[in-house]
Amino acid sequence: MAQFSEQRDQAELVRLSRVKTKPTPQTAAMGPELIQFFKQSVEKRQGKFAKIADAWARLMPPNMLDHCALESFSKGTLAVLVDSSPHLYEMKQLLLSGLQQQLMLACKAAGLKKINLKPGRWYQGDGQEQRLNF
């Protein structure tokens, strides 16, 4: 009798498992869409931004590199964050004295047309350690 009860319980568990379990829906693979998105959106922009960043690092005086950060590049406009008002003024003077023309010539293939300087910080705190380690 105990064996019959165990078989009935086992059959009931099999039935419940079949009824309660939902089949996993079949979805399309995301790989091809992600690769296409990466090639269209990320790789193209990263290539342009990398060329601009390289030219920026080459042409900008080393003492100013610590006080500015490239924020974005969109529609031919490079946005640059500068951490303080005195450095913002000095950066504007550098760009007006011919550095902007040099950057535009160096980055012509990347489509650089304009440079916008904005006050702002990309790091926490006031010390140089926080600025360089961010």
Protein backbone atom coordinates (compact mmCIF):
# COMPACT_ATOMS: atom_id res chain seq x y z
CA MET A 1 0.00 0.00 0.00
CA ALA A 2 2.86 2.35 0.81
CA GLN A 3 4.35 1.73 -2.61
CA PHE A 4 1.06 2.63 -4.30
CA SER A 5 0.92 5.87 -2.28
CA GLU A 6 4.48 6.76 -3.29
CA GLN A 7 3.69 6.12 -6.97
CA ARG A 8 0.57 8.27 -6.75
CA ASP A 9 2.54 11.08 -5.05
CA GLN A 10 5.25 10.82 -7.68
CA ALA A 11 2.67 10.95 -10.49
CA GLU A 12 1.06 13.98 -8.84
CA LEU A 13 4.45 15.73 -8.63
CA VAL A 14 5.16 15.01 -12.31
CA ARG A 15 1.73 16.36 -13.26
CA LEU A 16 2.18 19.50 -11.13
CA SER A 17 5.63 20.05 -12.55
CA ARG A 18 4.29 19.80 -16.11
CA VAL A 19 1.34 22.12 -15.41
CA LYS A 20 3.21 24.73 -13.37
CA THR A 21 6.35 24.96 -15.48
CA LYS A 22 6.20 27.56 -18.23
CA PRO A 23 8.30 26.94 -21.30
CA THR A 24 11.06 29.50 -21.73
CA PRO A 25 10.26 31.83 -24.60
CA GLN A 26 12.59 31.72 -27.56
CA THR A 27 14.21 35.11 -28.14
CA ALA A 28 16.50 36.30 -30.84
CA ALA A 29 20.19 36.51 -30.07
CA MET A 30 21.31 39.96 -28.94
CA GLY A 31 24.86 39.58 -30.20
CA PRO A 32 24.34 40.84 -33.77
CA GLU A 33 22.34 43.88 -32.60
CA LEU A 34 24.95 44.76 -29.98
CA ILE A 35 27.77 44.49 -32.49
CA GLN A 36 25.88 46.70 -34.94
CA PHE A 37 25.13 49.25 -32.19
CA PHE A 38 28.78 49.26 -31.12
CA LYS A 39 30.03 49.82 -34.67
CA GLN A 40 27.54 52.60 -35.39
CA SER A 41 27.44 54.43 -32.09
CA VAL A 42 30.53 53.71 -30.04
CA GLU A 43 33.40 52.84 -32.33
CA LYS A 44 32.88 55.74 -34.73
CA ARG A 45 32.66 58.36 -31.97
CA GLN A 46 35.50 56.84 -29.98
CA GLY A 47 37.80 57.00 -32.98
CA LYS A 48 37.13 60.69 -33.53
CA PHE A 49 37.33 61.51 -29.83
CA ALA A 50 40.61 59.60 -29.48
CA LYS A 51 42.21 61.61 -32.30
CA ILE A 52 41.06 64.85 -30.73
CA ALA A 53 42.28 63.80 -27.27
CA ASP A 54 45.67 62.88 -28.71
CA ALA A 55 46.04 66.25 -30.45
CA TRP A 56 44.83 68.03 -27.29
CA ALA A 57 47.48 66.27 -25.18
CA ARG A 58 50.22 67.07 -27.72
CA LEU A 59 49.42 70.75 -28.23
CA MET A 60 48.20 71.86 -24.81
CA PRO A 61 50.87 73.10 -22.37
CA PRO A 62 51.51 70.43 -19.69
CA ASN A 63 50.63 72.75 -16.81
CA MET A 64 47.14 73.28 -18.29
CA LEU A 65 46.42 69.58 -18.88
CA ASP A 66 45.98 69.04 -15.14
CA HIS A 67 43.26 71.69 -14.98
CA CYS A 68 41.04 70.68 -17.89
CA ALA A 69 39.20 67.61 -19.13
CA LEU A 70 37.57 66.84 -22.45
CA GLU A 71 33.89 66.38 -21.68
CA SER A 72 32.24 65.58 -25.01
CA PHE A 73 32.42 65.91 -28.78
CA SER A 74 29.20 66.41 -30.66
CA LYS A 75 28.33 67.98 -34.01
CA GLY A 76 31.85 69.32 -34.46
CA THR A 77 31.93 71.00 -31.05
CA LEU A 78 34.39 69.95 -28.38
CA ALA A 79 33.26 70.68 -24.81
CA VAL A 80 36.08 71.14 -22.31
CA LEU A 81 35.71 71.42 -18.53
CA VAL A 82 38.13 73.77 -16.76
CA ASP A 83 38.41 73.54 -12.98
CA SER A 84 38.83 77.19 -11.95
CA SER A 85 38.20 80.72 -13.20
CA PRO A 86 41.89 81.68 -13.50
CA HIS A 87 42.60 78.55 -15.54
CA LEU A 88 39.50 79.17 -17.65
CA TYR A 89 40.78 82.67 -18.47
CA GLU A 90 44.26 81.36 -19.25
CA MET A 91 42.78 78.62 -21.45
CA LYS A 92 40.73 81.19 -23.39
CA GLN A 93 43.84 83.29 -23.91
CA LEU A 94 45.79 80.27 -25.15
CA LEU A 95 43.05 79.35 -27.61
CA LEU A 96 42.78 82.93 -28.89
CA SER A 97 46.55 83.17 -29.33
CA GLY A 98 46.53 80.48 -32.00
CA LEU A 99 46.17 77.18 -30.17
CA GLN A 100 42.58 76.82 -31.35
CA GLN A 101 43.67 77.08 -35.00
CA GLN A 102 46.40 74.48 -34.43
CA LEU A 103 43.89 72.11 -32.82
CA MET A 104 41.41 72.58 -35.64
CA LEU A 105 44.05 71.89 -38.26
CA ALA A 106 45.27 68.81 -36.37
CA CYS A 107 41.70 67.52 -35.92
CA LYS A 108 40.23 68.49 -39.28
CA ALA A 109 39.69 64.84 -40.25
CA ALA A 110 37.75 64.27 -37.01
CA GLY A 111 35.44 67.18 -37.83
CA LEU A 112 36.46 69.61 -35.07
CA LYS A 113 34.90 73.03 -35.78
CA LYS A 114 34.51 74.70 -32.40
CA ILE A 115 35.80 74.49 -28.82
CA ASN A 116 33.55 75.41 -25.89
CA LEU A 117 35.16 75.98 -22.51
CA LYS A 118 33.00 75.48 -19.44
CA PRO A 119 33.76 75.89 -15.77
CA GLY A 120 33.35 72.63 -13.90
CA ARG A 121 35.02 69.75 -12.14
CA TRP A 122 35.35 66.14 -13.14
CA TYR A 123 36.82 65.10 -9.80
CA GLN A 124 35.92 65.19 -6.09
CA GLY A 125 37.80 67.40 -3.64
CA ASP A 126 40.34 70.17 -4.11
CA GLY A 127 43.71 68.42 -4.11
CA GLN A 128 45.79 67.39 -7.07
CA GLU A 129 45.69 63.76 -5.93
CA GLN A 130 41.91 63.59 -6.44
CA ARG A 131 42.19 65.29 -9.83
CA LEU A 132 44.79 62.87 -11.19
CA ASN A 133 43.34 59.69 -9.68
CA PHE A 134 39.79 60.19 -10.86
